[in-house]
Amino acid sequence: MKNIVVCIGNGLLCEAIIKMLKISGEFKPFRLLIQKKSNIANDCEALSADILLIDVSYAFGTTIETRLNEAKQVREKASSCKIVMLCDENSAPEIALEVANAKKDGFIDAFFYSSSVTEKYLTAVLASL
């Protein structure tokens, strides 16, 4: 069973993903709230996270700059933790391009477009990391 830290600003989406991960039986999910003074890297290290799933958007705490900075910190503190980003390619095509480039440049391990990913595909890819 993989420990997965889920830090997604949209509460409904976050709860749905956590429920899906629990039902799959392959993950032990931990929800992190987006807070001004939160340190995701420390939380990933303390929880022995195998995967960090974070969203990227225009909202406070989820911008690409913030998320890439957090990814860098996670790489330093919990180097074996895989970093996965989730974004909406329809409402934020610029962000989607930046996320894809982050994968291409090796800053993250995987990404998903939230408007087109299925539950089975998401859990299969996460399980394969």
Protein backbone atom coordinates (compact mmCIF):
# COMPACT_ATOMS: atom_id res chain seq x y z
CA MET A 1 0.00 0.00 0.00
CA LYS A 2 1.37 3.40 -1.02
CA ASN A 3 1.17 6.50 1.15
CA ILE A 4 -0.17 9.36 -0.92
CA VAL A 5 -0.37 12.95 0.23
CA VAL A 6 -3.19 14.84 -1.47
CA CYS A 7 -3.07 18.64 -1.44
CA ILE A 8 -5.85 19.97 -3.66
CA GLY A 9 -7.46 23.36 -3.12
CA ASN A 10 -10.92 22.40 -4.36
CA GLY A 11 -12.41 20.65 -1.33
CA LEU A 12 -15.01 18.64 -3.26
CA LEU A 13 -12.46 17.40 -5.77
CA CYS A 14 -10.01 16.57 -3.01
CA GLU A 15 -12.58 14.53 -1.08
CA ALA A 16 -13.65 12.68 -4.24
CA ILE A 17 -10.05 11.77 -5.06
CA ILE A 18 -9.33 10.64 -1.51
CA LYS A 19 -12.45 8.48 -1.51
CA MET A 20 -11.48 6.96 -4.87
CA LEU A 21 -7.95 6.23 -3.62
CA LYS A 22 -9.26 4.54 -0.47
CA ILE A 23 -11.73 2.42 -2.43
CA SER A 24 -8.99 1.22 -4.78
CA GLY A 25 -7.31 -0.50 -1.83
CA GLU A 26 -3.86 0.39 -3.13
CA PHE A 27 -3.35 3.68 -1.32
CA LYS A 28 -3.34 5.20 2.13
CA PRO A 29 -4.26 8.83 1.41
CA PHE A 30 -3.50 11.80 3.66
CA ARG A 31 -5.18 15.15 3.03
CA LEU A 32 -3.17 18.33 3.45
CA LEU A 33 -4.92 21.66 3.56
CA ILE A 34 -3.43 24.59 1.69
CA GLN A 35 -2.21 26.93 4.39
CA LYS A 36 0.00 29.97 4.32
CA LYS A 37 2.52 28.50 6.76
CA SER A 38 2.28 24.87 5.68
CA ASN A 39 5.40 22.99 4.67
CA ILE A 40 4.45 20.18 2.33
CA ALA A 41 8.01 18.83 2.23
CA ASN A 42 8.06 18.31 6.00
CA ASP A 43 4.63 16.68 5.87
CA CYS A 44 5.69 14.33 3.06
CA GLU A 45 8.79 13.35 5.01
CA ALA A 46 6.84 12.81 8.27
CA LEU A 47 4.16 10.73 6.52
CA SER A 48 6.70 8.69 4.54
CA ALA A 49 4.87 9.72 1.38
CA ASP A 50 5.41 7.64 -1.72
CA ILE A 51 3.42 10.11 -3.84
CA LEU A 52 2.47 13.77 -3.56
CA LEU A 53 -0.61 14.72 -5.59
CA ILE A 54 -1.04 18.48 -5.93
CA ASP A 55 -3.23 20.68 -8.07
CA VAL A 56 -2.09 23.68 -10.05
CA SER A 57 -4.38 26.63 -10.76
CA TYR A 58 -4.59 30.39 -10.52
CA ALA A 59 -5.79 30.23 -6.89
CA PHE A 60 -3.70 31.25 -3.90
CA GLY A 61 -1.35 28.48 -2.83
CA THR A 62 -1.73 26.52 -6.05
CA THR A 63 0.07 28.62 -8.66
CA ILE A 64 2.69 26.94 -10.81
CA GLU A 65 5.44 28.94 -9.10
CA THR A 66 4.28 27.88 -5.64
CA ARG A 67 3.86 24.26 -6.65
CA LEU A 68 7.26 24.01 -8.38
CA ASN A 69 8.89 25.50 -5.29
CA GLU A 70 7.11 22.92 -3.12
CA ALA A 71 8.16 20.15 -5.51
CA LYS A 72 11.79 21.25 -5.19
CA GLN A 73 11.55 21.18 -1.39
CA VAL A 74 9.96 17.72 -1.45
CA ARG A 75 12.76 16.44 -3.69
CA GLU A 76 15.26 17.68 -1.07
CA LYS A 77 13.45 16.30 2.01
CA ALA A 78 11.77 13.16 0.67
CA SER A 79 13.72 12.28 -2.45
CA SER A 80 11.88 9.01 -3.12
CA CYS A 81 8.47 10.72 -3.12
CA LYS A 82 6.96 10.93 -6.62
CA ILE A 83 5.43 14.30 -7.46
CA VAL A 84 2.24 14.38 -9.51
CA MET A 85 0.37 17.50 -10.64
CA LEU A 86 -3.27 17.86 -11.56
CA CYS A 87 -4.57 20.77 -13.63
CA ASP A 88 -7.51 21.70 -15.83
CA GLU A 89 -6.37 22.04 -19.42
CA ASN A 90 -9.67 23.57 -20.55
CA SER A 91 -10.01 26.47 -18.11
CA ALA A 92 -6.26 27.08 -17.79
CA PRO A 93 -4.43 26.05 -20.98
CA GLU A 94 -1.40 28.18 -20.05
CA ILE A 95 -1.04 26.33 -16.77
CA ALA A 96 -1.48 23.01 -18.54
CA LEU A 97 1.42 23.86 -20.84
CA GLU A 98 3.61 24.87 -17.89
CA VAL A 99 2.77 21.64 -16.06
CA ALA A 100 3.61 19.57 -19.14
CA ASN A 101 6.91 21.44 -19.41
CA ALA A 102 7.62 20.75 -15.72
CA LYS A 103 7.30 17.04 -16.49
CA LYS A 104 9.47 17.36 -19.59
CA ASP A 105 12.11 19.21 -17.57
CA GLY A 106 12.11 16.57 -14.81
CA PHE A 107 10.66 18.74 -12.04
CA ILE A 108 7.69 16.37 -11.56
CA ASP A 109 7.11 12.68 -12.22
CA ALA A 110 3.65 12.77 -13.79
CA PHE A 111 0.64 14.98 -14.47
CA PHE A 112 -3.04 14.64 -15.24
CA TYR A 113 -5.61 16.87 -16.85
CA SER A 114 -8.55 16.87 -14.46
CA SER A 115 -11.21 17.30 -17.13
CA SER A 116 -10.16 14.24 -19.10
CA VAL A 117 -8.69 11.71 -16.65
CA THR A 118 -10.75 8.71 -15.60
CA GLU A 119 -10.75 7.15 -12.16
CA LYS A 120 -9.26 3.88 -13.43
CA TYR A 121 -6.49 5.61 -15.36
CA LEU A 122 -5.58 7.88 -12.45
CA THR A 123 -5.32 5.01 -9.97
CA ALA A 124 -3.45 2.79 -12.45
CA VAL A 125 -0.80 5.41 -13.16
CA LEU A 126 -0.42 6.33 -9.49
CA ALA A 127 -0.04 2.66 -8.60
CA SER A 128 2.67 2.30 -11.24
CA LEU A 129 4.84 5.10 -9.84
